Amino acid sequence: MRRTLTAFFEDYGTAAETVRRLEGAGISYRDISLVANAARPHEIVPQGTTEDGTTGAAGGAAAGGAIGGGLGLLAGLGVIAVPGLGPVVAAGWLA
């Protein structure tokens, strides 16, 4: 059974210390979320971890761009191959 606990802290230092204590108690950093207002970005990534969101985001953006570009190319070639419609679509930007 999963449980969700929520807490509010007056300052970031107290919240970060609580996260360290939770990790020390055996709770994985993957199961802990910390939302902060005006915190410095380097403080948000848990210490001792090698993961951060930018690595996954960059890979996802590259894969999405490649897949989207390839599908767009195929769709465009498919429309151009339609007799009668293809030349109109291909020359549309000239009009």
PDB file of N, CA and C in Angstrom:
ATOM      1  N   MET A   1       0.838  -1.177   0.000  1.00  0.00           N
ATOM      2  CA  MET A   1       0.000   0.000   0.000  1.00  0.00           C
ATOM      3  C   MET A   1       0.885   1.244   0.000  1.00  0.00           C
ATOM      4  N   ARG A   2       0.640   2.123  -0.945  1.00  0.00           N
ATOM      5  CA  ARG A   2       1.404   3.364  -1.033  1.00  0.00           C
ATOM      6  C   ARG A   2       0.741   4.428  -0.186  1.00  0.00           C
ATOM      7  N   ARG A   3       1.559   5.250   0.419  1.00  0.00           N
ATOM      8  CA  ARG A   3       1.064   6.367   1.208  1.00  0.00           C
ATOM      9  C   ARG A   3       1.701   7.645   0.686  1.00  0.00           C
ATOM     10  N   THR A   4       0.941   8.700   0.722  1.00  0.00           N
ATOM     11  CA  THR A   4       1.446   9.999   0.312  1.00  0.00           C
ATOM     12  C   THR A   4       1.455  10.908   1.529  1.00  0.00           C
ATOM     13  N   LEU A   5       2.595  11.475   1.799  1.00  0.00           N
ATOM     14  CA  LEU A   5       2.739  12.418   2.903  1.00  0.00           C
ATOM     15  C   LEU A   5       3.061  13.785   2.324  1.00  0.00           C
ATOM     16  N   THR A   6       2.492  14.813   2.901  1.00  0.00           N
ATOM     17  CA  THR A   6       2.724  16.172   2.446  1.00  0.00           C
ATOM     18  C   THR A   6       3.149  17.011   3.639  1.00  0.00           C
ATOM     19  N   ALA A   7       4.122  17.871   3.436  1.00  0.00           N
ATOM     20  CA  ALA A   7       4.583  18.749   4.515  1.00  0.00           C
ATOM     21  C   ALA A   7       4.950  20.108   3.935  1.00  0.00           C
ATOM     22  N   PHE A   8       4.811  21.132   4.730  1.00  0.00           N
ATOM     23  CA  PHE A   8       5.191  22.493   4.348  1.00  0.00           C
ATOM     24  C   PHE A   8       6.309  22.954   5.272  1.00  0.00           C
ATOM     25  N   PHE A   9       7.306  23.626   4.705  1.00  0.00           N
ATOM     26  CA  PHE A   9       8.451  24.101   5.474  1.00  0.00           C
ATOM     27  C   PHE A   9       8.631  25.591   5.245  1.00  0.00           C
ATOM     28  N   GLU A  10       9.163  26.260   6.224  1.00  0.00           N
ATOM     29  CA  GLU A  10       9.376  27.707   6.137  1.00  0.00           C
ATOM     30  C   GLU A  10      10.561  28.066   5.239  1.00  0.00           C
ATOM     31  N   ASP A  11      11.556  27.187   5.173  1.00  0.00           N
ATOM     32  CA  ASP A  11      12.734  27.496   4.362  1.00  0.00           C
ATOM     33  C   ASP A  11      13.225  26.223   3.675  1.00  0.00           C
ATOM     34  N   TYR A  12      14.016  26.430   2.633  1.00  0.00           N
ATOM     35  CA  TYR A  12      14.499  25.311   1.825  1.00  0.00           C
ATOM     36  C   TYR A  12      15.442  24.415   2.601  1.00  0.00           C
ATOM     37  N   GLY A  13      16.260  24.987   3.459  1.00  0.00           N
ATOM     38  CA  GLY A  13      17.234  24.201   4.220  1.00  0.00           C
ATOM     39  C   GLY A  13      16.568  23.135   5.080  1.00  0.00           C
ATOM     40  N   THR A  14      15.478  23.484   5.721  1.00  0.00           N
ATOM     41  CA  THR A  14      14.749  22.523   6.548  1.00  0.00           C
ATOM     42  C   THR A  14      14.149  21.420   5.687  1.00  0.00           C
ATOM     43  N   ALA A  15      13.599  21.801   4.536  1.00  0.00           N
ATOM     44  CA  ALA A  15      13.020  20.804   3.625  1.00  0.00           C
ATOM     45  C   ALA A  15      14.106  19.868   3.104  1.00  0.00           C
ATOM     46  N   ALA A  16      15.258  20.407   2.728  1.00  0.00           N
ATOM     47  CA  ALA A  16      16.359  19.583   2.220  1.00  0.00           C
ATOM     48  C   ALA A  16      16.872  18.632   3.295  1.00  0.00           C
ATOM     49  N   GLU A  17      16.942  19.099   4.519  1.00  0.00           N
ATOM     50  CA  GLU A  17      17.370  18.236   5.625  1.00  0.00           C
ATOM     51  C   GLU A  17      16.374  17.094   5.833  1.00  0.00           C
ATOM     52  N   THR A  18      15.098  17.379   5.704  1.00  0.00           N
ATOM     53  CA  THR A  18      14.071  16.343   5.832  1.00  0.00           C
ATOM     54  C   THR A  18      14.222  15.297   4.731  1.00  0.00           C
ATOM     55  N   VAL A  19      14.517  15.753   3.508  1.00  0.00           N
ATOM     56  CA  VAL A  19      14.734  14.812   2.401  1.00  0.00           C
ATOM     57  C   VAL A  19      15.939  13.921   2.707  1.00  0.00           C
ATOM     58  N   ARG A  20      17.016  14.501   3.224  1.00  0.00           N
ATOM     59  CA  ARG A  20      18.197  13.705   3.576  1.00  0.00           C
ATOM     60  C   ARG A  20      17.866  12.679   4.667  1.00  0.00           C
ATOM     61  N   ARG A  21      17.052  13.061   5.630  1.00  0.00           N
ATOM     62  CA  ARG A  21      16.664  12.137   6.697  1.00  0.00           C
ATOM     63  C   ARG A  21      15.775  11.013   6.154  1.00  0.00           C
ATOM     64  N   LEU A  22      14.889  11.342   5.222  1.00  0.00           N
ATOM     65  CA  LEU A  22      14.056  10.302   4.601  1.00  0.00           C
ATOM     66  C   LEU A  22      14.916   9.307   3.825  1.00  0.00           C
ATOM     67  N   GLU A  23      15.896   9.829   3.075  1.00  0.00           N
ATOM     68  CA  GLU A  23      16.806   8.942   2.341  1.00  0.00           C
ATOM     69  C   GLU A  23      17.612   8.089   3.308  1.00  0.00           C
ATOM     70  N   GLY A  24      18.023   8.673   4.440  1.00  0.00           N
ATOM     71  CA  GLY A  24      18.760   7.922   5.449  1.00  0.00           C
ATOM     72  C   GLY A  24      17.910   6.827   6.097  1.00  0.00           C
ATOM     73  N   ALA A  25      16.597   7.024   6.079  1.00  0.00           N
ATOM     74  CA  ALA A  25      15.686   6.033   6.648  1.00  0.00           C
ATOM     75  C   ALA A  25      15.360   4.923   5.647  1.00  0.00           C
ATOM     76  N   GLY A  26      15.958   4.995   4.459  1.00  0.00           N
ATOM     77  CA  GLY A  26      15.771   3.924   3.480  1.00  0.00           C
ATOM     78  C   GLY A  26      14.754   4.207   2.394  1.00  0.00           C
ATOM     79  N   ILE A  27      14.216   5.412   2.341  1.00  0.00           N
ATOM     80  CA  ILE A  27      13.263   5.760   1.284  1.00  0.00           C
ATOM     81  C   ILE A  27      14.061   6.249   0.079  1.00  0.00           C
ATOM     82  N   SER A  28      13.783   5.659  -1.070  1.00  0.00           N
ATOM     83  CA  SER A  28      14.509   6.006  -2.287  1.00  0.00           C
ATOM     84  C   SER A  28      14.235   7.452  -2.697  1.00  0.00           C
ATOM     85  N   TYR A  29      15.259   8.122  -3.227  1.00  0.00           N
ATOM     86  CA  TYR A  29      15.066   9.491  -3.698  1.00  0.00           C
ATOM     87  C   TYR A  29      14.056   9.546  -4.833  1.00  0.00           C
ATOM     88  N   ARG A  30      13.841   8.434  -5.518  1.00  0.00           N
ATOM     89  CA  ARG A  30      12.856   8.395  -6.602  1.00  0.00           C
ATOM     90  C   ARG A  30      11.429   8.482  -6.081  1.00  0.00           C
ATOM     91  N   ASP A  31      11.238   8.206  -4.819  1.00  0.00           N
ATOM     92  CA  ASP A  31       9.910   8.265  -4.214  1.00  0.00           C
ATOM     93  C   ASP A  31       9.665   9.564  -3.467  1.00  0.00           C
ATOM     94  N   ILE A  32      10.601  10.497  -3.544  1.00  0.00           N
ATOM     95  CA  ILE A  32      10.493  11.760  -2.825  1.00  0.00           C
ATOM     96  C   ILE A  32      10.410  12.893  -3.834  1.00  0.00           C
ATOM     97  N   SER A  33       9.440  13.786  -3.646  1.00  0.00           N
ATOM     98  CA  SER A  33       9.328  14.977  -4.487  1.00  0.00           C
ATOM     99  C   SER A  33       9.446  16.203  -3.608  1.00  0.00           C
ATOM    100  N   LEU A  34      10.135  17.200  -4.117  1.00  0.00           N
ATOM    101  CA  LEU A  34      10.310  18.436  -3.383  1.00  0.00           C
ATOM    102  C   LEU A  34       9.976  19.582  -4.321  1.00  0.00           C
ATOM    103  N   VAL A  35       9.011  20.379  -3.952  1.00  0.00           N
ATOM    104  CA  VAL A  35       8.630  21.541  -4.742  1.00  0.00           C
ATOM    105  C   VAL A  35       9.035  22.764  -3.945  1.00  0.00           C
ATOM    106  N   ALA A  36       9.819  23.651  -4.575  1.00  0.00           N
ATOM    107  CA  ALA A  36      10.321  24.819  -3.861  1.00  0.00           C
ATOM    108  C   ALA A  36      10.073  26.072  -4.683  1.00  0.00           C
ATOM    109  N   ASN A  37       9.951  27.159  -3.991  1.00  0.00           N
ATOM    110  CA  ASN A  37       9.778  28.451  -4.622  1.00  0.00           C
ATOM    111  C   ASN A  37      11.090  29.220  -4.498  1.00  0.00           C
ATOM    112  N   ALA A  38      11.632  29.650  -5.602  1.00  0.00           N
ATOM    113  CA  ALA A  38      12.855  30.456  -5.646  1.00  0.00           C
ATOM    114  C   ALA A  38      14.073  29.717  -5.091  1.00  0.00           C
ATOM    115  N   ALA A  39      14.122  28.415  -5.277  1.00  0.00           N
ATOM    116  CA  ALA A  39      15.315  27.654  -4.880  1.00  0.00           C
ATOM    117  C   ALA A  39      16.333  27.705  -6.001  1.00  0.00           C
ATOM    118  N   ARG A  40      17.583  27.610  -5.647  1.00  0.00           N
ATOM    119  CA  ARG A  40      18.616  27.563  -6.681  1.00  0.00           C
ATOM    120  C   ARG A  40      18.553  26.190  -7.352  1.00  0.00           C
ATOM    121  N   PRO A  41      18.657  26.124  -8.696  1.00  0.00           N
ATOM    122  CA  PRO A  41      18.492  24.862  -9.411  1.00  0.00           C
ATOM    123  C   PRO A  41      19.412  23.736  -8.935  1.00  0.00           C
ATOM    124  N   HIS A  42      20.654  24.057  -8.538  1.00  0.00           N
ATOM    125  CA  HIS A  42      21.569  22.987  -8.138  1.00  0.00           C
ATOM    126  C   HIS A  42      21.151  22.347  -6.822  1.00  0.00           C
ATOM    127  N   GLU A  43      20.293  22.982  -6.062  1.00  0.00           N
ATOM    128  CA  GLU A  43      19.856  22.413  -4.800  1.00  0.00           C
ATOM    129  C   GLU A  43      18.737  21.394  -4.979  1.00  0.00           C
ATOM    130  N   ILE A  44      18.071  21.412  -6.110  1.00  0.00           N
ATOM    131  CA  ILE A  44      16.908  20.558  -6.311  1.00  0.00           C
ATOM    132  C   ILE A  44      17.315  19.128  -6.656  1.00  0.00           C
ATOM    133  N   VAL A  45      18.404  18.925  -7.373  1.00  0.00           N
ATOM    134  CA  VAL A  45      18.862  17.579  -7.723  1.00  0.00           C
ATOM    135  C   VAL A  45      19.427  16.925  -6.463  1.00  0.00           C
ATOM    136  N   PRO A  46      18.912  15.749  -6.078  1.00  0.00           N
ATOM    137  CA  PRO A  46      19.388  15.103  -4.848  1.00  0.00           C
ATOM    138  C   PRO A  46      20.886  14.830  -4.905  1.00  0.00           C
ATOM    139  N   GLN A  47      21.562  15.018  -3.784  1.00  0.00           N
ATOM    140  CA  GLN A  47      22.991  14.772  -3.737  1.00  0.00           C
ATOM    141  C   GLN A  47      23.260  13.284  -3.837  1.00  0.00           C
ATOM    142  N   GLY A  48      24.344  12.930  -4.495  1.00  0.00           N
ATOM    143  CA  GLY A  48      24.723  11.535  -4.630  1.00  0.00           C
ATOM    144  C   GLY A  48      24.047  10.838  -5.789  1.00  0.00           C
ATOM    145  N   THR A  49      23.275  11.554  -6.583  1.00  0.00           N
ATOM    146  CA  THR A  49      22.624  10.930  -7.728  1.00  0.00           C
ATOM    147  C   THR A  49      23.328  11.380  -9.001  1.00  0.00           C
ATOM    148  N   THR A  50      23.210  10.581 -10.023  1.00  0.00           N
ATOM    149  CA  THR A  50      23.815  10.938 -11.300  1.00  0.00           C
ATOM    150  C   THR A  50      22.762  11.339 -12.313  1.00  0.00           C
ATOM    151  N   GLU A  51      21.495  11.265 -11.921  1.00  0.00           N
ATOM    152  CA  GLU A  51      20.421  11.594 -12.846  1.00  0.00           C
ATOM    153  C   GLU A  51      19.963  13.027 -12.647  1.00  0.00           C
ATOM    154  N   ASP A  52      19.582  13.646 -13.702  1.00  0.00           N
ATOM    155  CA  ASP A  52      18.833  14.886 -13.614  1.00  0.00           C
ATOM    156  C   ASP A  52      17.921  14.953 -14.831  1.00  0.00           C
ATOM    157  N   GLY A  53      16.929  15.793 -14.772  1.00  0.00           N
ATOM    158  CA  GLY A  53      15.905  15.845 -15.809  1.00  0.00           C
ATOM    159  C   GLY A  53      16.396  16.319 -17.158  1.00  0.00           C
ATOM    160  N   THR A  54      17.496  17.064 -17.205  1.00  0.00           N
ATOM    161  CA  THR A  54      17.940  17.612 -18.483  1.00  0.00           C
ATOM    162  C   THR A  54      18.451  16.527 -19.424  1.00  0.00           C
ATOM    163  N   THR A  55      19.050  15.472 -18.886  1.00  0.00           N
ATOM    164  CA  THR A  55      19.565  14.399 -19.739  1.00  0.00           C
ATOM    165  C   THR A  55      18.416  13.702 -20.456  1.00  0.00           C
ATOM    166  N   GLY A  56      17.390  13.341 -19.727  1.00  0.00           N
ATOM    167  CA  GLY A  56      16.233  12.675 -20.325  1.00  0.00           C
ATOM    168  C   GLY A  56      15.470  13.583 -21.266  1.00  0.00           C
ATOM    169  N   ALA A  57      15.365  14.860 -20.905  1.00  0.00           N
ATOM    170  CA  ALA A  57      14.635  15.802 -21.748  1.00  0.00           C
ATOM    171  C   ALA A  57      15.345  16.005 -23.091  1.00  0.00           C
ATOM    172  N   ALA A  58      16.664  16.092 -23.072  1.00  0.00           N
ATOM    173  CA  ALA A  58      17.412  16.281 -24.316  1.00  0.00           C
ATOM    174  C   ALA A  58      17.261  15.064 -25.231  1.00  0.00           C
ATOM    175  N   GLY A  59      17.344  13.876 -24.656  1.00  0.00           N
ATOM    176  CA  GLY A  59      17.173  12.659 -25.462  1.00  0.00           C
ATOM    177  C   GLY A  59      15.766  12.554 -26.027  1.00  0.00           C
ATOM    178  N   GLY A  60      14.777  12.898 -25.217  1.00  0.00           N
ATOM    179  CA  GLY A  60      13.388  12.857 -25.677  1.00  0.00           C
ATOM    180  C   GLY A  60      13.118  13.875 -26.775  1.00  0.00           C
ATOM    181  N   ALA A  61      13.691  15.059 -26.638  1.00  0.00           N
ATOM    182  CA  ALA A  61      13.507  16.087 -27.660  1.00  0.00           C
ATOM    183  C   ALA A  61      14.150  15.666 -28.982  1.00  0.00           C
ATOM    184  N   ALA A  62      15.332  15.075 -28.910  1.00  0.00           N
ATOM    185  CA  ALA A  62      16.008  14.630 -30.133  1.00  0.00           C
ATOM    186  C   ALA A  62      15.225  13.506 -30.813  1.00  0.00           C
ATOM    187  N   ALA A  63      14.767  12.540 -30.020  1.00  0.00           N
ATOM    188  CA  ALA A  63      14.004  11.425 -30.596  1.00  0.00           C
ATOM    189  C   ALA A  63      12.684  11.920 -31.177  1.00  0.00           C
ATOM    190  N   GLY A  64      11.997  12.801 -30.455  1.00  0.00           N
ATOM    191  CA  GLY A  64      10.728  13.340 -30.937  1.00  0.00           C
ATOM    192  C   GLY A  64      10.890  14.143 -32.217  1.00  0.00           C
ATOM    193  N   GLY A  65      11.951  14.921 -32.288  1.00  0.00           N
ATOM    194  CA  GLY A  65      12.217  15.703 -33.497  1.00  0.00           C
ATOM    195  C   GLY A  65      12.510  14.821 -34.694  1.00  0.00           C
ATOM    196  N   ALA A  66      13.301  13.773 -34.471  1.00  0.00           N
ATOM    197  CA  ALA A  66      13.646  12.868 -35.575  1.00  0.00           C
ATOM    198  C   ALA A  66      12.415  12.094 -36.054  1.00  0.00           C
ATOM    199  N   ILE A  67      11.633  11.583 -35.116  1.00  0.00           N
ATOM    200  CA  ILE A  67      10.441  10.817 -35.499  1.00  0.00           C
ATOM    201  C   ILE A  67       9.411  11.721 -36.157  1.00  0.00           C
ATOM    202  N   GLY A  68       9.174  12.889 -35.581  1.00  0.00           N
ATOM    203  CA  GLY A  68       8.200  13.830 -36.153  1.00  0.00           C
ATOM    204  C   GLY A  68       8.621  14.309 -37.535  1.00  0.00           C
ATOM    205  N   GLY A  69       9.907  14.604 -37.698  1.00  0.00           N
ATOM    206  CA  GLY A  69      10.396  15.044 -39.004  1.00  0.00           C
ATOM    207  C   GLY A  69      10.269  13.953 -40.054  1.00  0.00           C
ATOM    208  N   GLY A  70      10.587  12.712 -39.665  1.00  0.00           N
ATOM    209  CA  GLY A  70      10.464  11.592 -40.605  1.00  0.00           C
ATOM    210  C   GLY A  70       9.022  11.338 -41.012  1.00  0.00           C
ATOM    211  N   LEU A  71       8.108  11.377 -40.035  1.00  0.00           N
ATOM    212  CA  LEU A  71       6.694  11.165 -40.363  1.00  0.00           C
ATOM    213  C   LEU A  71       6.142  12.307 -41.216  1.00  0.00           C
ATOM    214  N   GLY A  72       6.577  13.529 -40.935  1.00  0.00           N
ATOM    215  CA  GLY A  72       6.151  14.668 -41.753  1.00  0.00           C
ATOM    216  C   GLY A  72       6.647  14.546 -43.187  1.00  0.00           C
ATOM    217  N   LEU A  73       7.866  14.093 -43.341  1.00  0.00           N
ATOM    218  CA  LEU A  73       8.421  13.886 -44.680  1.00  0.00           C
ATOM    219  C   LEU A  73       7.625  12.831 -45.438  1.00  0.00           C
ATOM    220  N   LEU A  74       7.342  11.721 -44.785  1.00  0.00           N
ATOM    221  CA  LEU A  74       6.566  10.659 -45.429  1.00  0.00           C
ATOM    222  C   LEU A  74       5.162  11.127 -45.792  1.00  0.00           C
ATOM    223  N   ALA A  75       4.531  11.884 -44.911  1.00  0.00           N
ATOM    224  CA  ALA A  75       3.192  12.396 -45.205  1.00  0.00           C
ATOM    225  C   ALA A  75       3.232  13.356 -46.396  1.00  0.00           C
ATOM    226  N   GLY A  76       4.247  14.211 -46.437  1.00  0.00           N
ATOM    227  CA  GLY A  76       4.380  15.139 -47.555  1.00  0.00           C
ATOM    228  C   GLY A  76       4.622  14.429 -48.873  1.00  0.00           C
ATOM    229  N   LEU A  77       5.464  13.404 -48.850  1.00  0.00           N
ATOM    230  CA  LEU A  77       5.707  12.643 -50.077  1.00  0.00           C
ATOM    231  C   LEU A  77       4.455  11.898 -50.523  1.00  0.00           C
ATOM    232  N   GLY A  78       3.668  11.439 -49.552  1.00  0.00           N
ATOM    233  CA  GLY A  78       2.425  10.747 -49.889  1.00  0.00           C
ATOM    234  C   GLY A  78       1.431  11.662 -50.580  1.00  0.00           C
ATOM    235  N   VAL A  79       1.333  12.906 -50.130  1.00  0.00           N
ATOM    236  CA  VAL A  79       0.402  13.858 -50.739  1.00  0.00           C
ATOM    237  C   VAL A  79       0.877  14.231 -52.141  1.00  0.00           C
ATOM    238  N   ILE A  80       2.166  14.400 -52.311  1.00  0.00           N
ATOM    239  CA  ILE A  80       2.694  14.786 -53.623  1.00  0.00           C
ATOM    240  C   ILE A  80       2.476  13.672 -54.650  1.00  0.00           C
ATOM    241  N   ALA A  81       2.422  12.426 -54.205  1.00  0.00           N
ATOM    242  CA  ALA A  81       2.250  11.304 -55.124  1.00  0.00           C
ATOM    243  C   ALA A  81       0.818  11.177 -55.632  1.00  0.00           C
ATOM    244  N   VAL A  82      -0.142  11.900 -55.067  1.00  0.00           N
ATOM    245  CA  VAL A  82      -1.539  11.807 -55.510  1.00  0.00           C
ATOM    246  C   VAL A  82      -1.679  12.545 -56.845  1.00  0.00           C
ATOM    247  N   PRO A  83      -2.152  11.851 -57.879  1.00  0.00           N
ATOM    248  CA  PRO A  83      -2.298  12.492 -59.193  1.00  0.00           C
ATOM    249  C   PRO A  83      -3.282  13.665 -59.139  1.00  0.00           C
ATOM    250  N   GLY A  84      -2.909  14.767 -59.727  1.00  0.00           N
ATOM    251  CA  GLY A  84      -3.765  15.940 -59.767  1.00  0.00           C
ATOM    252  C   GLY A  84      -3.596  16.837 -58.552  1.00  0.00           C
ATOM    253  N   LEU A  85      -3.405  16.256 -57.401  1.00  0.00           N
ATOM    254  CA  LEU A  85      -3.274  17.047 -56.172  1.00  0.00           C
ATOM    255  C   LEU A  85      -1.805  17.339 -55.877  1.00  0.00           C
ATOM    256  N   GLY A  86      -0.943  16.428 -56.223  1.00  0.00           N
ATOM    257  CA  GLY A  86       0.477  16.578 -55.923  1.00  0.00           C
ATOM    258  C   GLY A  86       1.103  17.850 -56.456  1.00  0.00           C
ATOM    259  N   PRO A  87       0.940  18.141 -57.758  1.00  0.00           N
ATOM    260  CA  PRO A  87       1.530  19.379 -58.295  1.00  0.00           C
ATOM    261  C   PRO A  87       0.965  20.639 -57.660  1.00  0.00           C
ATOM    262  N   VAL A  88      -0.305  20.615 -57.296  1.00  0.00           N
ATOM    263  CA  VAL A  88      -0.908  21.799 -56.662  1.00  0.00           C
ATOM    264  C   VAL A  88      -0.276  22.017 -55.272  1.00  0.00           C
ATOM    265  N   VAL A  89      -0.116  20.934 -54.528  1.00  0.00           N
ATOM    266  CA  VAL A  89       0.490  21.040 -53.188  1.00  0.00           C
ATOM    267  C   VAL A  89       1.944  21.460 -53.315  1.00  0.00           C
ATOM    268  N   ALA A  90       2.669  20.884 -54.260  1.00  0.00           N
ATOM    269  CA  ALA A  90       4.093  21.184 -54.414  1.00  0.00           C
ATOM    270  C   ALA A  90       4.314  22.623 -54.828  1.00  0.00           C
ATOM    271  N   ALA A  91       3.450  23.170 -55.650  1.00  0.00           N
ATOM    272  CA  ALA A  91       3.613  24.549 -56.144  1.00  0.00           C
ATOM    273  C   ALA A  91       2.838  25.542 -55.311  1.00  0.00           C
ATOM    274  N   GLY A  92       2.180  25.101 -54.261  1.00  0.00           N
ATOM    275  CA  GLY A  92       1.350  25.993 -53.448  1.00  0.00           C
ATOM    276  C   GLY A  92       2.094  27.169 -52.877  1.00  0.00           C
ATOM    277  N   TRP A  93       3.319  26.977 -52.482  1.00  0.00           N
ATOM    278  CA  TRP A  93       4.080  28.085 -51.880  1.00  0.00           C
ATOM    279  C   TRP A  93       4.449  29.143 -52.913  1.00  0.00           C
ATOM    280  N   LEU A  94       4.439  28.785 -54.203  1.00  0.00           N
ATOM    281  CA  LEU A  94       4.748  29.753 -55.247  1.00  0.00           C
ATOM    282  C   LEU A  94       3.591  30.734 -55.464  1.00  0.00           C
ATOM    283  N   ALA A  95       2.386  30.256 -55.199  1.00  0.00           N
ATOM    284  CA  ALA A  95       1.200  31.112 -55.399  1.00  0.00           C
ATOM    285  C   ALA A  95       1.216  32.187 -54.345  1.00  0.00           C
TER     286      ALA A  95
END
